[in-house]
Amino acid sequence: QVQLIESGGGLVTAGGSLRLSCAASGRTFRLYAMGWFRQAPGKEREFVSRINLSPGNTYYGDLVKGRFTISRDNAQNTVSLQMNSLKPEDTAVYYCVGESLRTYTSTDYANGDSRRYDYWGQGTQVTVSS
């Protein structure tokens, strides 16, 4: 199994920045990609970003493109999400996700499809005040 632990959430005013981190442990050799989803109260879960661990191709949801940057440190088994120019509508619980190599090679789900991700963290709250 793979365990994902998020950190770095908190409260920030609009226009500010936050950096989320996700540490993977366990059978990390199974991972092909990691990323982030978010879910606000009363809303559907939403794709935020994803990075393939090797090579480091990155993908972003339309609402965060140009403001958020995902990066990875393969040696440390961590992925980070730098969030700039935050807006109140970015308020949500942010979940770290991981896709296994098996899923990558055996399915054809879109990057933003939650079914593509085998492993999920517990989530970290991000609140942006206006």
Foldseek 3Di string as FASTA:
>chain_A
DKAKAKDWADEAAAQAKTKMKIFIDDPCVQFQKKAKWWDDPPDDIWGAKMFGPPPTDIDGDPVQPPFKDKDDDVVRRMIMIIGGRDDQVVWTWMKMFTAGPVLVVPDDDDPTDPVRTDYIHPTDTHGYHD
